[in-house]
C-alpha cells in the first residue's frame, strides 16, 4: 500500500531485537499493525493481536503478505519491549518532520510546547514520582513533532531548551510555552560564546 510506504521505509530502519531465526513476522509490519491497532482503540498486546487476526485477510491483500495467523501476544510483547526507545523516537520524529513539511505552510508554523504528567506512572512502592513528558505540537497540522522525558528532579525549562535545540532551526515558526518559561534567564536559549 503506497500510503504507508514512507512509514514502512522508516520503520525498517529500527533494529530488530530478535535473532534471525525468530523473524517470521517482519518488524516493520508488526510495528505498523501495532500502531494501527492502537489508533483504533487497542490498549494491550492482546488487542494488537486481535486487530491483526480480525483484519488479517485485508492486511495480507493490502501489503502483499501471506500471514496465516497473527503473531502470539507474547511475541508482540517481546518485540515491542525489546525495541530501543531512542531508535523508535528518531523514526517517529523523521516521520512527523516529513508530514509537517508536506502539510505545513512554509514560514507559518506554530509550535506549542507543553508538559504533561503520564497518568498511572506514579509508583508508590518503588518510590518513583509520576513521569512527565514535554511535547512539541504543531498546531497548524495537528502533529506531535517530538517529545522528551522531563528528568525526575527537574522541570520543563531545561527540557524545553533541549527539545528546541533537537528540533533544530525553526525559521519563521511561532513557539508558545507555558508561563513557567517567562523568566529572564530561561527565556533565551543559552549559547556558548565563540572562541577567537
Protein backbone atom coordinates (compact mmCIF):
# COMPACT_ATOMS: atom_id res chain seq x y z
CA UNK A 1 0.00 0.00 0.00
CA UNK A 2 1.67 3.19 -1.21
CA UNK A 3 0.11 5.35 1.53
CA UNK A 4 2.16 3.56 4.19
CA UNK A 5 5.32 3.06 2.09
CA UNK A 6 7.24 6.04 3.57
CA UNK A 7 6.38 4.98 7.13
CA UNK A 8 7.31 1.33 6.44
CA UNK A 9 10.62 2.54 5.00
CA UNK A 10 11.34 4.41 8.22
CA UNK A 11 10.16 1.55 10.45
CA UNK A 12 12.58 -0.72 8.58
CA UNK A 13 15.45 1.37 10.00
CA UNK A 14 14.66 0.26 13.56
CA UNK A 15 16.99 -2.58 14.63
CA UNK A 16 15.12 -5.85 15.21
CA UNK A 17 15.68 -7.21 18.75
CA UNK A 18 15.04 -10.81 17.62
CA UNK A 19 17.51 -13.39 16.39
CA UNK A 20 17.44 -14.17 12.68
CA UNK A 21 15.62 -17.48 13.22
CA UNK A 22 12.82 -15.77 15.17
CA UNK A 23 11.88 -13.27 12.48
CA UNK A 24 8.84 -14.98 10.96
CA UNK A 25 6.91 -11.71 11.04
CA UNK A 26 8.85 -8.77 9.59
CA UNK A 27 9.40 -5.99 12.12
CA UNK A 28 8.12 -3.03 10.05
CA UNK A 29 4.75 -4.75 9.54
CA UNK A 30 4.42 -5.78 13.19
CA UNK A 31 5.11 -2.18 14.22
CA UNK A 32 2.74 -0.71 11.63
CA UNK A 33 -0.06 -3.08 12.61
CA UNK A 34 0.55 -2.31 16.30
CA UNK A 35 0.25 1.41 15.50
CA UNK A 36 -2.98 0.83 13.57
CA UNK A 37 -4.38 -1.29 16.41
CA UNK A 38 -3.59 1.41 18.97
CA UNK A 39 -5.06 4.17 16.77
CA UNK A 40 -8.29 2.15 16.52
CA UNK A 41 -8.56 1.83 20.31
CA UNK A 42 -6.31 -1.10 21.21
CA UNK A 43 -4.56 -0.75 24.54
CA UNK A 44 -2.86 -4.10 25.15
CA UNK A 45 -0.75 -6.73 23.42
CA UNK A 46 -3.80 -8.96 23.09
CA UNK A 47 -5.78 -6.15 21.42
CA UNK A 48 -2.98 -5.76 18.86
CA UNK A 49 -3.18 -9.47 18.09
CA UNK A 50 -6.98 -9.28 17.90
CA UNK A 51 -6.73 -6.37 15.43
CA UNK A 52 -4.32 -8.35 13.23
CA UNK A 53 -6.48 -11.50 13.49
CA UNK A 54 -9.72 -9.72 12.58
CA UNK A 55 -8.15 -7.79 9.68
CA UNK A 56 -5.58 -10.39 8.55
CA UNK A 57 -7.06 -11.01 5.10
CA UNK A 58 -7.33 -7.28 4.37
CA UNK A 59 -3.81 -6.65 5.67
CA UNK A 60 -2.41 -9.53 3.59
CA UNK A 61 -4.09 -8.17 0.45
CA UNK A 62 -3.11 -4.55 1.09
CA UNK A 63 0.55 -5.25 1.90
CA UNK A 64 1.21 -8.36 -0.20
CA UNK A 65 1.75 -10.57 2.84
CA UNK A 66 0.98 -14.26 3.40
CA UNK A 67 0.40 -14.34 7.14
CA UNK A 68 -1.66 -17.42 8.06
CA UNK A 69 -2.27 -16.16 11.58
CA UNK A 70 -1.39 -13.26 13.80
CA UNK A 71 1.71 -13.47 15.99
CA UNK A 72 1.10 -14.54 19.59
CA UNK A 73 0.61 -11.75 22.12
CA UNK A 74 3.79 -12.90 23.87
CA UNK A 75 5.72 -12.45 20.61
CA UNK A 76 4.29 -8.94 20.15
CA UNK A 77 5.23 -8.11 23.75
CA UNK A 78 8.77 -9.45 23.26
CA UNK A 79 9.22 -7.42 20.06
CA UNK A 80 7.86 -4.15 21.46
CA UNK A 81 9.66 -4.40 24.79
CA UNK A 82 12.94 -5.26 23.03
CA UNK A 83 12.97 -2.09 20.93
CA UNK A 84 15.36 0.73 21.75
CA UNK A 85 13.17 3.78 22.57
CA UNK A 86 15.80 6.16 21.16
CA UNK A 87 15.61 4.48 17.74
CA UNK A 88 11.81 4.47 17.78
CA UNK A 89 11.67 8.16 18.77
CA UNK A 90 14.12 9.06 15.99
CA UNK A 91 11.95 7.30 13.38
CA UNK A 92 8.77 8.97 14.60
CA UNK A 93 10.48 12.37 14.56
CA UNK A 94 11.56 11.79 10.95
CA UNK A 95 8.03 10.74 10.02
CA UNK A 96 6.49 13.76 11.77
CA UNK A 97 9.00 16.10 10.07
CA UNK A 98 8.09 14.66 6.65
CA UNK A 99 4.37 15.08 7.34
CA UNK A 100 4.90 18.61 8.67
CA UNK A 101 6.90 19.54 5.58
CA UNK A 102 4.27 18.07 3.25
CA UNK A 103 1.23 19.54 5.03
CA UNK A 104 2.52 22.74 6.61
CA UNK A 105 2.80 26.15 5.04
CA UNK A 106 6.39 27.47 4.86
CA UNK A 107 7.09 30.25 7.33
CA UNK A 108 3.73 29.82 9.09
CA UNK A 109 4.49 27.05 11.58
CA UNK A 110 3.05 27.36 15.06
CA UNK A 111 4.52 25.03 17.64
CA UNK A 112 3.19 24.64 21.16
CA UNK A 113 5.44 23.12 23.82
CA UNK A 114 3.54 21.63 26.72
CA UNK A 115 4.39 19.26 29.54
CA UNK A 116 2.10 16.52 30.77
CA UNK A 117 2.20 14.05 33.62
CA UNK A 118 1.62 10.50 32.42
CA UNK A 119 -1.45 9.02 34.05
CA UNK A 120 -0.76 5.93 36.12
CA UNK A 121 3.03 6.38 36.08
CA UNK A 122 3.37 7.12 39.80
CA UNK A 123 4.74 4.12 41.69
CA UNK A 124 4.36 4.44 45.45
CA UNK A 125 6.01 1.10 46.21
CA UNK A 126 9.13 1.84 44.15
CA UNK A 127 9.16 5.44 45.47
CA UNK A 128 9.06 6.79 41.92
CA UNK A 129 7.41 10.07 41.06
CA UNK A 130 4.98 10.30 38.17
CA UNK A 131 6.69 10.51 34.77
CA UNK A 132 6.47 13.79 32.90
CA UNK A 133 6.84 14.39 29.18
CA UNK A 134 7.28 17.60 27.20
CA UNK A 135 5.78 17.53 23.70
CA UNK A 136 6.21 19.77 20.66
CA UNK A 137 2.85 20.05 18.91
CA UNK A 138 2.46 21.73 15.50
CA UNK A 139 -0.91 23.46 15.79
CA UNK A 140 -1.21 24.19 12.07
CA UNK A 141 -1.01 20.49 11.11
CA UNK A 142 -2.08 18.84 14.41
CA UNK A 143 1.12 16.79 14.52
CA UNK A 144 3.24 15.89 17.53
CA UNK A 145 6.72 16.63 16.19
CA UNK A 146 8.70 15.26 19.13
CA UNK A 147 8.68 14.70 22.85
CA UNK A 148 11.27 14.33 25.61
CA UNK A 149 11.14 12.98 29.12
CA UNK A 150 11.44 15.57 31.87
CA UNK A 151 14.08 14.48 34.38
CA UNK A 152 12.64 13.41 37.73
CA UNK A 153 14.37 16.15 39.74
CA UNK A 154 13.93 18.84 37.10
CA UNK A 155 11.18 20.80 35.35
CA UNK A 156 10.04 21.89 31.87
CA UNK A 157 12.55 24.70 31.41
CA UNK A 158 15.72 22.70 30.61
CA UNK A 159 13.64 20.10 28.77
CA UNK A 160 12.11 22.79 26.55
CA UNK A 161 15.52 24.24 25.73
CA UNK A 162 16.85 20.77 24.86
CA UNK A 163 13.79 19.95 22.74
CA UNK A 164 14.02 23.19 20.77
CA UNK A 165 17.72 22.53 20.16
CA UNK A 166 16.94 18.97 18.98
CA UNK A 167 14.25 20.20 16.62
CA UNK A 168 16.83 22.48 15.02
CA UNK A 169 16.18 25.76 13.35
CA UNK A 170 12.52 26.59 13.02
CA UNK A 171 12.64 29.57 10.65
CA UNK A 172 9.57 31.75 10.93
CA UNK A 173 7.96 29.45 13.49
CA UNK A 174 5.97 30.87 16.38
CA UNK A 175 6.68 28.84 19.52
CA UNK A 176 4.34 29.07 22.51
CA UNK A 177 5.14 27.86 26.01
CA UNK A 178 3.59 27.91 29.47
CA UNK A 179 4.08 30.82 31.87
CA UNK A 180 6.85 28.93 33.69
CA UNK A 181 9.12 29.79 30.75
CA UNK A 182 8.59 33.55 31.16
CA UNK A 183 11.67 34.03 33.33
CA UNK A 184 14.55 36.28 32.43
CA UNK A 185 17.33 33.68 32.10
CA UNK A 186 15.49 30.67 30.59
CA UNK A 187 13.55 32.76 28.08
CA UNK A 188 16.56 32.75 25.77
CA UNK A 189 18.48 29.69 24.70
CA UNK A 190 21.92 29.65 26.24
CA UNK A 191 24.56 29.79 23.52
CA UNK A 192 28.25 29.23 24.06
CA UNK A 193 30.35 32.25 23.11
CA UNK A 194 32.52 31.79 20.04
CA UNK A 195 36.18 31.34 20.83
CA UNK A 196 38.59 33.56 18.94
